[in-house]
């Protein structure tokens, strides 16, 4: 079982018991989320709506999945999954671009009733969309949220800069840019070429 990190937060609002009745919950989001081309997420009791991603965002997503699929064909240890719902608390529910989750962790946190994961997978990947608002959400707010709930590894993929910033619990982030090869301890001998990922 992955352990939750407890710490002071800078970007993610953590409500007191008195404030909780005034906030949105995941049940509210399930009722409000009616637009199929929008993504509804909940962070700190606040609903965040984002629109359908653009072409290059999705191309990068597909390339990452292809790299994982190639590896997992010969190493059946888990799954790479797009846009899965993660329920982290009553007031926090997000839809990352991609997650990697092992078979064991899936069995621990998959809720059969709603089909969502109630807890943190081993790896979360977000592909940044253009704009300062999107960058702040993924590099500050979501990064902190994933740290709070004990996501061991978080990749922030930055298409404009053609780089990947990797956050690991308790460590400084690392930047993988041109000519770099990204590896992860969760997948022994897995390699992701930054140059190939961002090639048109």
N, C-alpha and C. Protein backbone atom coordinates (compact mmCIF):
# COMPACT_ATOMS: atom_id res chain seq x y z
N UNK A 1 0.85 -1.20 0.00
CA UNK A 1 0.00 0.00 0.00
C UNK A 1 0.88 1.24 0.00
N UNK A 2 0.57 2.20 -0.87
CA UNK A 2 1.30 3.45 -0.90
C UNK A 2 0.87 4.32 0.28
N UNK A 3 1.84 4.97 0.89
CA UNK A 3 1.54 5.77 2.07
C UNK A 3 1.26 7.21 1.68
N UNK A 4 0.31 7.82 2.37
CA UNK A 4 -0.03 9.21 2.11
C UNK A 4 0.98 10.13 2.78
N UNK A 5 1.35 11.17 2.07
CA UNK A 5 2.27 12.17 2.60
C UNK A 5 1.47 13.23 3.34
N UNK A 6 1.89 13.60 4.52
CA UNK A 6 1.22 14.67 5.26
C UNK A 6 2.17 15.86 5.36
N UNK A 7 1.72 17.01 4.90
CA UNK A 7 2.58 18.19 4.88
C UNK A 7 1.71 19.43 4.72
N UNK A 8 2.33 20.58 4.98
CA UNK A 8 1.66 21.85 4.71
C UNK A 8 1.56 22.03 3.20
N UNK A 9 0.48 22.67 2.74
CA UNK A 9 0.29 22.87 1.31
C UNK A 9 0.40 24.35 0.96
N UNK A 10 0.79 24.60 -0.29
CA UNK A 10 0.94 25.96 -0.76
C UNK A 10 -0.12 26.32 -1.79
N UNK A 11 -0.49 25.35 -2.64
CA UNK A 11 -1.37 25.64 -3.76
C UNK A 11 -2.75 24.98 -3.65
N UNK A 12 -2.83 23.85 -2.96
CA UNK A 12 -4.09 23.10 -2.89
C UNK A 12 -4.80 23.43 -1.60
N UNK A 13 -5.98 23.96 -1.70
CA UNK A 13 -6.77 24.32 -0.52
C UNK A 13 -7.21 23.07 0.23
N UNK A 14 -6.92 23.00 1.52
CA UNK A 14 -7.33 21.89 2.36
C UNK A 14 -8.37 22.41 3.35
N UNK A 15 -9.64 22.05 3.18
CA UNK A 15 -10.71 22.66 3.97
C UNK A 15 -10.73 22.19 5.43
N UNK A 16 -11.15 23.08 6.28
CA UNK A 16 -11.41 22.71 7.67
C UNK A 16 -12.79 22.06 7.74
N UNK A 17 -13.13 21.46 8.87
CA UNK A 17 -14.44 20.82 9.02
C UNK A 17 -15.57 21.83 8.84
N UNK A 18 -15.35 23.08 9.28
CA UNK A 18 -16.37 24.10 9.16
C UNK A 18 -16.59 24.51 7.70
N UNK A 19 -15.55 24.44 6.89
CA UNK A 19 -15.64 24.88 5.50
C UNK A 19 -16.18 23.80 4.57
N UNK A 20 -16.09 22.56 4.95
CA UNK A 20 -16.45 21.46 4.05
C UNK A 20 -17.87 21.52 3.51
N UNK A 21 -18.89 21.91 4.30
CA UNK A 21 -20.25 21.96 3.74
C UNK A 21 -20.42 22.95 2.59
N UNK A 22 -19.50 23.91 2.45
CA UNK A 22 -19.62 24.92 1.41
C UNK A 22 -18.94 24.50 0.11
N UNK A 23 -18.26 23.36 0.10
CA UNK A 23 -17.46 22.98 -1.05
C UNK A 23 -18.16 21.92 -1.90
N UNK A 24 -17.73 21.83 -3.16
CA UNK A 24 -18.21 20.77 -4.04
C UNK A 24 -17.53 19.46 -3.68
N UNK A 25 -18.23 18.37 -3.94
CA UNK A 25 -17.69 17.03 -3.72
C UNK A 25 -17.69 16.26 -5.04
N UNK A 26 -17.12 15.08 -5.04
CA UNK A 26 -17.11 14.25 -6.24
C UNK A 26 -18.53 13.85 -6.66
N UNK A 27 -19.43 13.74 -5.71
CA UNK A 27 -20.83 13.45 -6.05
C UNK A 27 -21.46 14.61 -6.82
N UNK A 28 -21.10 15.83 -6.44
CA UNK A 28 -21.59 17.00 -7.17
C UNK A 28 -21.06 17.00 -8.60
N UNK A 29 -19.78 16.70 -8.76
CA UNK A 29 -19.18 16.69 -10.09
C UNK A 29 -19.88 15.67 -10.97
N UNK A 30 -20.21 14.51 -10.43
CA UNK A 30 -20.90 13.48 -11.21
C UNK A 30 -22.24 13.98 -11.73
N UNK A 31 -22.89 14.86 -10.96
CA UNK A 31 -24.18 15.41 -11.40
C UNK A 31 -24.01 16.54 -12.41
N UNK A 32 -22.94 17.34 -12.26
CA UNK A 32 -22.76 18.52 -13.10
C UNK A 32 -22.10 18.21 -14.43
N UNK A 33 -21.30 17.16 -14.50
CA UNK A 33 -20.47 16.88 -15.68
C UNK A 33 -21.33 16.36 -16.83
N UNK A 34 -21.91 17.28 -17.58
CA UNK A 34 -22.83 16.90 -18.65
C UNK A 34 -22.26 17.15 -20.04
N UNK A 35 -21.20 17.95 -20.15
CA UNK A 35 -20.63 18.29 -21.46
C UNK A 35 -19.54 17.26 -21.81
N UNK A 36 -19.79 16.47 -22.85
CA UNK A 36 -18.90 15.35 -23.15
C UNK A 36 -17.54 15.79 -23.67
N UNK A 37 -17.40 17.03 -24.17
CA UNK A 37 -16.12 17.48 -24.70
C UNK A 37 -15.32 18.28 -23.67
N UNK A 38 -15.74 18.26 -22.43
CA UNK A 38 -15.02 18.92 -21.35
C UNK A 38 -14.60 17.91 -20.30
N UNK A 39 -13.52 18.24 -19.60
CA UNK A 39 -13.04 17.39 -18.51
C UNK A 39 -13.32 18.12 -17.20
N UNK A 40 -14.04 17.47 -16.31
CA UNK A 40 -14.40 18.05 -15.02
C UNK A 40 -13.55 17.41 -13.93
N UNK A 41 -12.78 18.24 -13.23
CA UNK A 41 -11.96 17.75 -12.15
C UNK A 41 -12.27 18.55 -10.88
N UNK A 42 -11.91 17.97 -9.74
CA UNK A 42 -12.19 18.59 -8.45
C UNK A 42 -10.91 18.63 -7.63
N UNK A 43 -10.49 19.82 -7.24
CA UNK A 43 -9.29 19.97 -6.41
C UNK A 43 -9.62 20.92 -5.27
N UNK A 44 -9.52 20.41 -4.06
CA UNK A 44 -9.81 21.24 -2.90
C UNK A 44 -11.24 21.73 -2.86
N UNK A 45 -12.18 20.94 -3.41
CA UNK A 45 -13.57 21.32 -3.41
C UNK A 45 -13.96 22.32 -4.47
N UNK A 46 -13.02 22.65 -5.38
CA UNK A 46 -13.29 23.58 -6.48
C UNK A 46 -13.33 22.80 -7.79
N UNK A 47 -14.37 23.02 -8.59
CA UNK A 47 -14.49 22.34 -9.88
C UNK A 47 -13.65 23.07 -10.92
N UNK A 48 -12.84 22.28 -11.63
CA UNK A 48 -11.98 22.81 -12.69
C UNK A 48 -12.43 22.16 -14.00
N UNK A 49 -12.74 22.99 -15.00
CA UNK A 49 -13.20 22.48 -16.29
C UNK A 49 -12.15 22.80 -17.34
N UNK A 50 -11.74 21.78 -18.08
CA UNK A 50 -10.81 21.98 -19.19
C UNK A 50 -11.43 21.41 -20.46
N UNK A 51 -10.99 21.92 -21.60
CA UNK A 51 -11.58 21.54 -22.88
C UNK A 51 -10.79 20.42 -23.54
N UNK A 52 -11.33 19.89 -24.60
CA UNK A 52 -10.69 18.80 -25.32
C UNK A 52 -9.28 19.22 -25.75
N UNK A 53 -8.30 18.33 -25.59
CA UNK A 53 -6.92 18.67 -25.95
C UNK A 53 -6.72 18.78 -27.45
N UNK A 54 -5.63 19.46 -27.83
CA UNK A 54 -5.32 19.69 -29.24
C UNK A 54 -4.56 18.50 -29.83
N UNK A 55 -4.33 18.59 -31.15
CA UNK A 55 -3.72 17.49 -31.90
C UNK A 55 -2.39 17.04 -31.32
N UNK A 56 -1.44 17.98 -31.12
CA UNK A 56 -0.10 17.55 -30.71
C UNK A 56 -0.10 16.96 -29.31
N UNK A 57 -0.96 17.47 -28.45
CA UNK A 57 -1.13 16.90 -27.12
C UNK A 57 -1.49 15.42 -27.23
N UNK A 58 -2.45 15.10 -28.08
CA UNK A 58 -2.90 13.73 -28.23
C UNK A 58 -1.86 12.86 -28.94
N UNK A 59 -1.12 13.45 -29.86
CA UNK A 59 -0.05 12.71 -30.54
C UNK A 59 1.03 12.28 -29.54
N UNK A 60 1.41 13.19 -28.66
CA UNK A 60 2.39 12.86 -27.64
C UNK A 60 1.85 11.78 -26.71
N UNK A 61 0.58 11.89 -26.35
CA UNK A 61 -0.05 10.88 -25.49
C UNK A 61 0.01 9.50 -26.14
N UNK A 62 -0.30 9.43 -27.41
CA UNK A 62 -0.28 8.15 -28.13
C UNK A 62 1.14 7.58 -28.17
N UNK A 63 2.14 8.44 -28.40
CA UNK A 63 3.53 7.97 -28.46
C UNK A 63 3.99 7.42 -27.11
N UNK A 64 3.57 8.05 -26.03
CA UNK A 64 3.92 7.54 -24.71
C UNK A 64 3.28 6.17 -24.50
N UNK A 65 2.01 6.06 -24.85
CA UNK A 65 1.32 4.77 -24.70
C UNK A 65 1.98 3.69 -25.54
N UNK A 66 2.39 4.02 -26.76
CA UNK A 66 3.05 3.05 -27.61
C UNK A 66 4.34 2.54 -26.97
N UNK A 67 5.10 3.44 -26.36
CA UNK A 67 6.34 3.02 -25.68
C UNK A 67 6.04 2.07 -24.54
N UNK A 68 5.00 2.39 -23.76
CA UNK A 68 4.61 1.51 -22.66
C UNK A 68 4.08 0.17 -23.17
N UNK A 69 3.25 0.22 -24.21
CA UNK A 69 2.70 -1.03 -24.76
C UNK A 69 3.82 -1.96 -25.21
N UNK A 70 4.82 -1.40 -25.91
CA UNK A 70 5.94 -2.21 -26.36
C UNK A 70 6.67 -2.87 -25.21
N UNK A 71 6.83 -2.13 -24.13
CA UNK A 71 7.50 -2.68 -22.95
C UNK A 71 6.62 -3.72 -22.26
N UNK A 72 5.36 -3.40 -22.07
CA UNK A 72 4.47 -4.27 -21.29
C UNK A 72 4.11 -5.56 -22.01
N UNK A 73 4.28 -5.60 -23.33
CA UNK A 73 4.04 -6.85 -24.05
C UNK A 73 4.96 -7.97 -23.56
N UNK A 74 6.18 -7.60 -23.24
CA UNK A 74 7.13 -8.59 -22.74
C UNK A 74 7.31 -8.56 -21.24
N UNK A 75 6.65 -7.62 -20.57
CA UNK A 75 6.77 -7.47 -19.11
C UNK A 75 5.39 -7.15 -18.56
N UNK A 76 4.59 -8.15 -18.39
CA UNK A 76 3.18 -7.94 -18.01
C UNK A 76 3.06 -7.67 -16.51
N UNK A 77 3.42 -6.43 -16.14
CA UNK A 77 3.40 -6.08 -14.71
C UNK A 77 2.29 -5.09 -14.37
N UNK A 78 1.63 -4.53 -15.41
CA UNK A 78 0.59 -3.55 -15.12
C UNK A 78 0.02 -2.99 -16.40
N UNK A 79 -0.52 -1.77 -16.30
CA UNK A 79 -1.24 -1.15 -17.41
C UNK A 79 -0.85 0.31 -17.55
N UNK A 80 -0.83 0.81 -18.80
CA UNK A 80 -0.80 2.24 -19.07
C UNK A 80 -2.21 2.60 -19.52
N UNK A 81 -2.84 3.55 -18.85
CA UNK A 81 -4.25 3.85 -19.08
C UNK A 81 -4.46 5.35 -19.28
N UNK A 82 -5.24 5.74 -20.29
CA UNK A 82 -5.53 7.16 -20.50
C UNK A 82 -6.79 7.60 -19.76
N UNK A 83 -6.75 8.83 -19.29
CA UNK A 83 -7.90 9.56 -18.71
C UNK A 83 -8.75 8.73 -17.76
N UNK A 84 -8.10 8.09 -16.81
CA UNK A 84 -8.83 7.36 -15.77
C UNK A 84 -9.17 8.30 -14.61
N UNK A 85 -10.32 8.09 -14.01
CA UNK A 85 -10.69 8.89 -12.86
C UNK A 85 -9.95 8.45 -11.61
N UNK A 86 -9.33 9.41 -10.92
CA UNK A 86 -8.69 9.15 -9.63
C UNK A 86 -9.47 9.89 -8.55
N UNK A 87 -10.05 9.16 -7.63
CA UNK A 87 -10.73 9.77 -6.48
C UNK A 87 -9.75 9.74 -5.32
N UNK A 88 -9.27 10.90 -4.92
CA UNK A 88 -8.25 10.99 -3.88
C UNK A 88 -8.84 11.35 -2.53
N UNK A 89 -9.98 12.01 -2.52
CA UNK A 89 -10.70 12.32 -1.29
C UNK A 89 -12.10 12.76 -1.70
N UNK A 90 -12.93 13.08 -0.74
CA UNK A 90 -14.27 13.58 -1.04
C UNK A 90 -14.22 14.85 -1.87
N UNK A 91 -13.13 15.64 -1.70
CA UNK A 91 -13.02 16.94 -2.34
C UNK A 91 -11.95 17.00 -3.42
N UNK A 92 -11.38 15.86 -3.77
CA UNK A 92 -10.32 15.81 -4.78
C UNK A 92 -10.55 14.63 -5.71
N UNK A 93 -10.84 14.93 -6.97
CA UNK A 93 -11.01 13.90 -7.98
C UNK A 93 -10.51 14.42 -9.32
N UNK A 94 -9.51 13.76 -9.89
CA UNK A 94 -8.88 14.28 -11.11
C UNK A 94 -8.87 13.22 -12.20
N UNK A 95 -8.56 13.68 -13.42
CA UNK A 95 -8.52 12.79 -14.58
C UNK A 95 -7.18 13.03 -15.28
N UNK A 96 -6.12 12.37 -14.85
CA UNK A 96 -4.82 12.58 -15.50
C UNK A 96 -4.85 12.13 -16.96
N UNK A 97 -3.92 12.67 -17.75
CA UNK A 97 -3.82 12.25 -19.14
C UNK A 97 -3.49 10.76 -19.23
N UNK A 98 -2.54 10.30 -18.41
CA UNK A 98 -2.14 8.89 -18.42
C UNK A 98 -1.74 8.48 -17.01
N UNK A 99 -1.95 7.20 -16.70
CA UNK A 99 -1.38 6.63 -15.48
C UNK A 99 -0.77 5.28 -15.81
N UNK A 100 0.25 4.90 -15.06
CA UNK A 100 0.73 3.53 -15.06
C UNK A 100 0.40 2.95 -13.69
N UNK A 101 -0.19 1.76 -13.69
CA UNK A 101 -0.55 1.11 -12.44
C UNK A 101 -0.24 -0.37 -12.54
N UNK A 102 0.37 -0.92 -11.50
CA UNK A 102 0.67 -2.34 -11.49
C UNK A 102 -0.60 -3.15 -11.21
N UNK A 103 -0.54 -4.44 -11.51
CA UNK A 103 -1.69 -5.31 -11.23
C UNK A 103 -2.04 -5.27 -9.74
N UNK A 104 -1.01 -5.31 -8.90
CA UNK A 104 -1.25 -5.35 -7.45
C UNK A 104 -1.93 -4.07 -6.96
N UNK A 105 -1.43 -2.93 -7.45
CA UNK A 105 -2.01 -1.67 -7.01
C UNK A 105 -3.43 -1.50 -7.54
N UNK A 106 -3.67 -1.95 -8.77
CA UNK A 106 -5.03 -1.91 -9.33
C UNK A 106 -6.00 -2.66 -8.43
N UNK A 107 -5.62 -3.84 -7.98
CA UNK A 107 -6.51 -4.64 -7.14
C UNK A 107 -6.78 -3.95 -5.80
N UNK A 108 -5.82 -3.14 -5.33
CA UNK A 108 -5.97 -2.46 -4.05
C UNK A 108 -6.93 -1.28 -4.13
N UNK A 109 -6.91 -0.52 -5.23
CA UNK A 109 -7.62 0.77 -5.23
C UNK A 109 -8.74 0.88 -6.25
N UNK A 110 -8.95 -0.13 -7.11
CA UNK A 110 -10.05 -0.06 -8.07
C UNK A 110 -11.37 -0.28 -7.37
N UNK A 111 -12.28 0.67 -7.55
CA UNK A 111 -13.62 0.56 -6.98
C UNK A 111 -14.55 -0.05 -8.03
N UNK A 112 -15.05 -1.22 -7.76
CA UNK A 112 -15.87 -1.93 -8.75
C UNK A 112 -17.20 -1.22 -9.02
N UNK A 113 -17.70 -0.46 -8.06
CA UNK A 113 -19.00 0.19 -8.22
C UNK A 113 -18.96 1.33 -9.24
N UNK A 114 -17.95 2.20 -9.14
CA UNK A 114 -17.91 3.34 -10.06
C UNK A 114 -16.83 3.20 -11.13
N UNK A 115 -16.01 2.15 -11.06
CA UNK A 115 -14.99 1.92 -12.07
C UNK A 115 -13.82 2.87 -12.00
N UNK A 116 -13.67 3.60 -10.90
CA UNK A 116 -12.57 4.56 -10.75
C UNK A 116 -11.57 4.05 -9.71
N UNK A 117 -10.39 4.64 -9.76
CA UNK A 117 -9.37 4.31 -8.77
C UNK A 117 -9.51 5.24 -7.58
N UNK A 118 -9.66 4.67 -6.41
CA UNK A 118 -9.77 5.45 -5.17
C UNK A 118 -8.43 5.37 -4.44
N UNK A 119 -7.49 6.15 -4.93
CA UNK A 119 -6.15 6.15 -4.39
C UNK A 119 -5.15 6.49 -5.48
N UNK A 120 -3.88 6.41 -5.14
CA UNK A 120 -2.82 6.84 -6.05
C UNK A 120 -2.20 5.66 -6.79
N UNK A 121 -2.05 5.77 -8.12
CA UNK A 121 -1.28 4.78 -8.86
C UNK A 121 0.22 5.02 -8.67
N UNK A 122 1.03 4.16 -9.26
CA UNK A 122 2.48 4.33 -9.12
C UNK A 122 3.02 5.51 -9.91
N UNK A 123 2.41 5.81 -11.06
CA UNK A 123 2.93 6.85 -11.94
C UNK A 123 1.77 7.61 -12.58
N UNK A 124 1.87 8.94 -12.53
CA UNK A 124 0.89 9.81 -13.20
C UNK A 124 1.62 10.65 -14.23
N UNK A 125 1.01 10.80 -15.40
CA UNK A 125 1.59 11.60 -16.48
C UNK A 125 0.57 12.65 -16.93
N UNK A 126 0.98 13.91 -16.90
CA UNK A 126 0.16 14.99 -17.43
C UNK A 126 0.91 15.64 -18.58
N UNK A 127 0.23 15.88 -19.69
CA UNK A 127 0.80 16.55 -20.85
C UNK A 127 0.27 17.98 -20.85
N UNK A 128 1.15 18.94 -20.70
CA UNK A 128 0.72 20.33 -20.54
C UNK A 128 0.11 20.86 -21.83
N UNK A 129 -1.02 21.53 -21.67
CA UNK A 129 -1.63 22.25 -22.77
C UNK A 129 -1.11 23.69 -22.76
N UNK A 130 -1.20 24.40 -23.90
CA UNK A 130 -0.67 25.76 -23.96
C UNK A 130 -1.35 26.69 -22.96
N UNK A 131 -0.60 27.69 -22.49
CA UNK A 131 -1.16 28.73 -21.64
C UNK A 131 -0.67 28.67 -20.20
N UNK A 132 -0.61 29.85 -19.57
CA UNK A 132 -0.12 29.95 -18.19
C UNK A 132 -1.04 29.26 -17.19
N UNK A 133 -2.35 29.33 -17.45
CA UNK A 133 -3.30 28.71 -16.53
C UNK A 133 -3.09 27.19 -16.50
N UNK A 134 -2.92 26.59 -17.67
CA UNK A 134 -2.70 25.16 -17.74
C UNK A 134 -1.37 24.77 -17.10
N UNK A 135 -0.33 25.58 -17.34
CA UNK A 135 0.98 25.30 -16.74
C UNK A 135 0.91 25.37 -15.23
N UNK A 136 0.22 26.39 -14.70
CA UNK A 136 0.11 26.51 -13.24
C UNK A 136 -0.65 25.32 -12.66
N UNK A 137 -1.71 24.89 -13.35
CA UNK A 137 -2.49 23.77 -12.85
C UNK A 137 -1.65 22.50 -12.77
N UNK A 138 -0.89 22.21 -13.83
CA UNK A 138 -0.15 20.95 -13.86
C UNK A 138 1.16 21.00 -13.09
N UNK A 139 1.86 22.14 -13.12
CA UNK A 139 3.18 22.22 -12.50
C UNK A 139 3.14 22.64 -11.03
N UNK A 140 2.06 23.26 -10.60
CA UNK A 140 1.96 23.67 -9.21
C UNK A 140 0.83 22.92 -8.49
N UNK A 141 -0.40 23.14 -8.94
CA UNK A 141 -1.55 22.61 -8.20
C UNK A 141 -1.59 21.10 -8.25
N UNK A 142 -1.56 20.52 -9.45
CA UNK A 142 -1.64 19.06 -9.54
C UNK A 142 -0.38 18.39 -9.00
N UNK A 143 0.77 19.02 -9.23
CA UNK A 143 2.00 18.45 -8.66
C UNK A 143 1.89 18.31 -7.16
N UNK A 144 1.41 19.36 -6.51
CA UNK A 144 1.26 19.32 -5.06
C UNK A 144 0.19 18.33 -4.65
N UNK A 145 -0.92 18.28 -5.38
CA UNK A 145 -1.98 17.34 -5.06
C UNK A 145 -1.46 15.90 -5.11
N UNK A 146 -0.73 15.56 -6.17
CA UNK A 146 -0.20 14.21 -6.29
C UNK A 146 0.80 13.90 -5.17
N UNK A 147 1.53 14.90 -4.75
CA UNK A 147 2.46 14.69 -3.64
C UNK A 147 1.71 14.45 -2.33
N UNK A 148 0.66 15.23 -2.11
CA UNK A 148 -0.14 15.08 -0.88
C UNK A 148 -0.66 13.65 -0.74
N UNK A 149 -1.11 13.08 -1.86
CA UNK A 149 -1.72 11.75 -1.80
C UNK A 149 -0.77 10.62 -2.16
N UNK A 150 0.51 10.92 -2.16
CA UNK A 150 1.51 9.87 -2.21
C UNK A 150 1.75 9.24 -3.57
N UNK A 151 1.54 9.99 -4.66
CA UNK A 151 1.92 9.47 -5.98
C UNK A 151 3.44 9.42 -6.03
N UNK A 152 4.04 8.24 -6.17
CA UNK A 152 5.50 8.14 -6.10
C UNK A 152 6.24 8.88 -7.21
N UNK A 153 5.63 8.93 -8.41
CA UNK A 153 6.33 9.54 -9.54
C UNK A 153 5.32 10.24 -10.44
N UNK A 154 5.65 11.46 -10.84
CA UNK A 154 4.78 12.30 -11.66
C UNK A 154 5.60 12.89 -12.79
N UNK A 155 5.15 12.66 -14.04
CA UNK A 155 5.82 13.24 -15.20
C UNK A 155 4.97 14.39 -15.73
N UNK A 156 5.57 15.57 -15.83
CA UNK A 156 4.93 16.71 -16.47
C UNK A 156 5.58 16.87 -17.84
N UNK A 157 4.83 16.52 -18.88
CA UNK A 157 5.35 16.52 -20.25
C UNK A 157 5.06 17.88 -20.87
N UNK A 158 6.10 18.55 -21.38
CA UNK A 158 5.98 19.92 -21.87
C UNK A 158 6.28 19.98 -23.37
N UNK A 159 5.26 19.84 -24.21
CA UNK A 159 5.51 19.85 -25.66
C UNK A 159 6.19 21.11 -26.19
N UNK A 160 5.80 22.34 -25.76
CA UNK A 160 6.47 23.52 -26.33
C UNK A 160 7.99 23.53 -26.07
N UNK A 161 8.39 23.10 -24.87
CA UNK A 161 9.82 23.08 -24.53
C UNK A 161 10.51 21.78 -24.96
N UNK A 162 9.70 20.80 -25.39
CA UNK A 162 10.20 19.48 -25.76
C UNK A 162 11.04 18.88 -24.63
N UNK A 163 10.41 18.83 -23.45
CA UNK A 163 11.07 18.26 -22.30
C UNK A 163 10.05 17.64 -21.36
N UNK A 164 10.56 16.81 -20.45
CA UNK A 164 9.73 16.17 -19.44
C UNK A 164 10.34 16.47 -18.08
N UNK A 165 9.52 16.99 -17.17
CA UNK A 165 9.98 17.21 -15.80
C UNK A 165 9.43 16.09 -14.94
N UNK A 166 10.33 15.41 -14.24
CA UNK A 166 9.96 14.25 -13.43
C UNK A 166 10.05 14.62 -11.95
N UNK A 167 8.93 14.42 -11.24
CA UNK A 167 8.87 14.67 -9.81
C UNK A 167 8.77 13.33 -9.08
N UNK A 168 9.66 13.13 -8.12
CA UNK A 168 9.61 11.93 -7.28
C UNK A 168 9.50 12.38 -5.83
N UNK A 169 8.73 11.62 -5.05
CA UNK A 169 8.51 12.01 -3.66
C UNK A 169 9.82 12.19 -2.91
N UNK A 170 9.93 13.34 -2.25
CA UNK A 170 11.09 13.59 -1.41
C UNK A 170 12.35 13.97 -2.15
N UNK A 171 12.26 14.23 -3.47
CA UNK A 171 13.45 14.57 -4.24
C UNK A 171 13.21 15.83 -5.07
N UNK A 172 14.32 16.43 -5.49
CA UNK A 172 14.24 17.54 -6.43
C UNK A 172 13.80 17.00 -7.79
N UNK A 173 13.07 17.82 -8.56
CA UNK A 173 12.64 17.38 -9.87
C UNK A 173 13.83 17.28 -10.82
N UNK A 174 13.67 16.46 -11.87
CA UNK A 174 14.70 16.29 -12.89
C UNK A 174 14.10 16.64 -14.25
N UNK A 175 14.88 17.29 -15.10
CA UNK A 175 14.45 17.66 -16.43
C UNK A 175 15.11 16.74 -17.46
N UNK A 176 14.29 16.16 -18.33
CA UNK A 176 14.79 15.36 -19.44
C UNK A 176 14.47 16.11 -20.73
N UNK A 177 15.52 16.54 -21.42
CA UNK A 177 15.35 17.36 -22.62
C UNK A 177 15.98 16.66 -23.83
N UNK A 178 16.37 17.45 -24.82
CA UNK A 178 16.88 16.91 -26.08
C UNK A 178 18.00 15.90 -25.86
N UNK A 179 17.93 14.78 -26.54
CA UNK A 179 18.91 13.68 -26.52
C UNK A 179 18.88 12.86 -25.24
N UNK A 180 17.98 13.18 -24.31
CA UNK A 180 17.90 12.42 -23.06
C UNK A 180 17.00 11.19 -23.23
N UNK A 181 17.23 10.21 -22.38
CA UNK A 181 16.40 9.02 -22.35
C UNK A 181 15.84 8.88 -20.94
N UNK A 182 14.51 8.81 -20.85
CA UNK A 182 13.84 8.73 -19.55
C UNK A 182 13.65 7.28 -19.15
N UNK A 183 14.00 6.99 -17.90
CA UNK A 183 13.79 5.66 -17.33
C UNK A 183 13.03 5.82 -16.02
N UNK A 184 12.45 4.72 -15.55
CA UNK A 184 11.73 4.75 -14.27
C UNK A 184 11.95 3.45 -13.52
N UNK A 185 12.05 3.57 -12.21
CA UNK A 185 12.28 2.38 -11.38
C UNK A 185 11.11 1.41 -11.40
N UNK A 186 9.93 1.89 -11.79
CA UNK A 186 8.76 1.01 -11.81
C UNK A 186 8.77 0.05 -12.99
N UNK A 187 9.59 0.36 -14.01
CA UNK A 187 9.65 -0.49 -15.19
C UNK A 187 11.12 -0.75 -15.54
N UNK A 188 11.71 -1.79 -14.98
CA UNK A 188 13.13 -2.06 -15.25
C UNK A 188 13.42 -2.20 -16.74
N UNK A 189 14.45 -1.47 -17.19
CA UNK A 189 14.92 -1.49 -18.58
C UNK A 189 13.98 -0.77 -19.55
N UNK A 190 12.94 -0.11 -19.06
CA UNK A 190 12.09 0.73 -19.91
C UNK A 190 12.85 2.00 -20.27
N UNK A 191 12.74 2.43 -21.54
CA UNK A 191 13.41 3.65 -21.98
C UNK A 191 12.46 4.45 -22.88
N UNK A 192 12.44 5.76 -22.67
CA UNK A 192 11.62 6.67 -23.48
C UNK A 192 12.53 7.76 -24.02
N UNK A 193 12.70 7.80 -25.33
CA UNK A 193 13.56 8.80 -25.97
C UNK A 193 12.79 10.12 -26.10
N UNK A 194 13.37 11.18 -25.54
CA UNK A 194 12.73 12.50 -25.63
C UNK A 194 12.68 12.97 -27.08
N UNK A 195 13.74 12.73 -27.84
CA UNK A 195 13.76 13.15 -29.24
C UNK A 195 12.65 12.48 -30.03
N UNK A 196 12.48 11.19 -29.86
CA UNK A 196 11.43 10.47 -30.59
C UNK A 196 10.03 10.90 -30.15
N UNK A 197 9.89 11.18 -28.85
CA UNK A 197 8.58 11.57 -28.34
C UNK A 197 8.08 12.85 -29.00
N UNK A 198 8.98 13.83 -29.17
CA UNK A 198 8.55 15.13 -29.67
C UNK A 198 8.80 15.32 -31.16
N UNK A 199 9.23 14.28 -31.85
CA UNK A 199 9.42 14.38 -33.31
C UNK A 199 8.06 14.49 -33.99
N UNK A 200 7.93 15.35 -34.98
CA UNK A 200 6.66 15.53 -35.68
C UNK A 200 6.39 14.37 -36.63
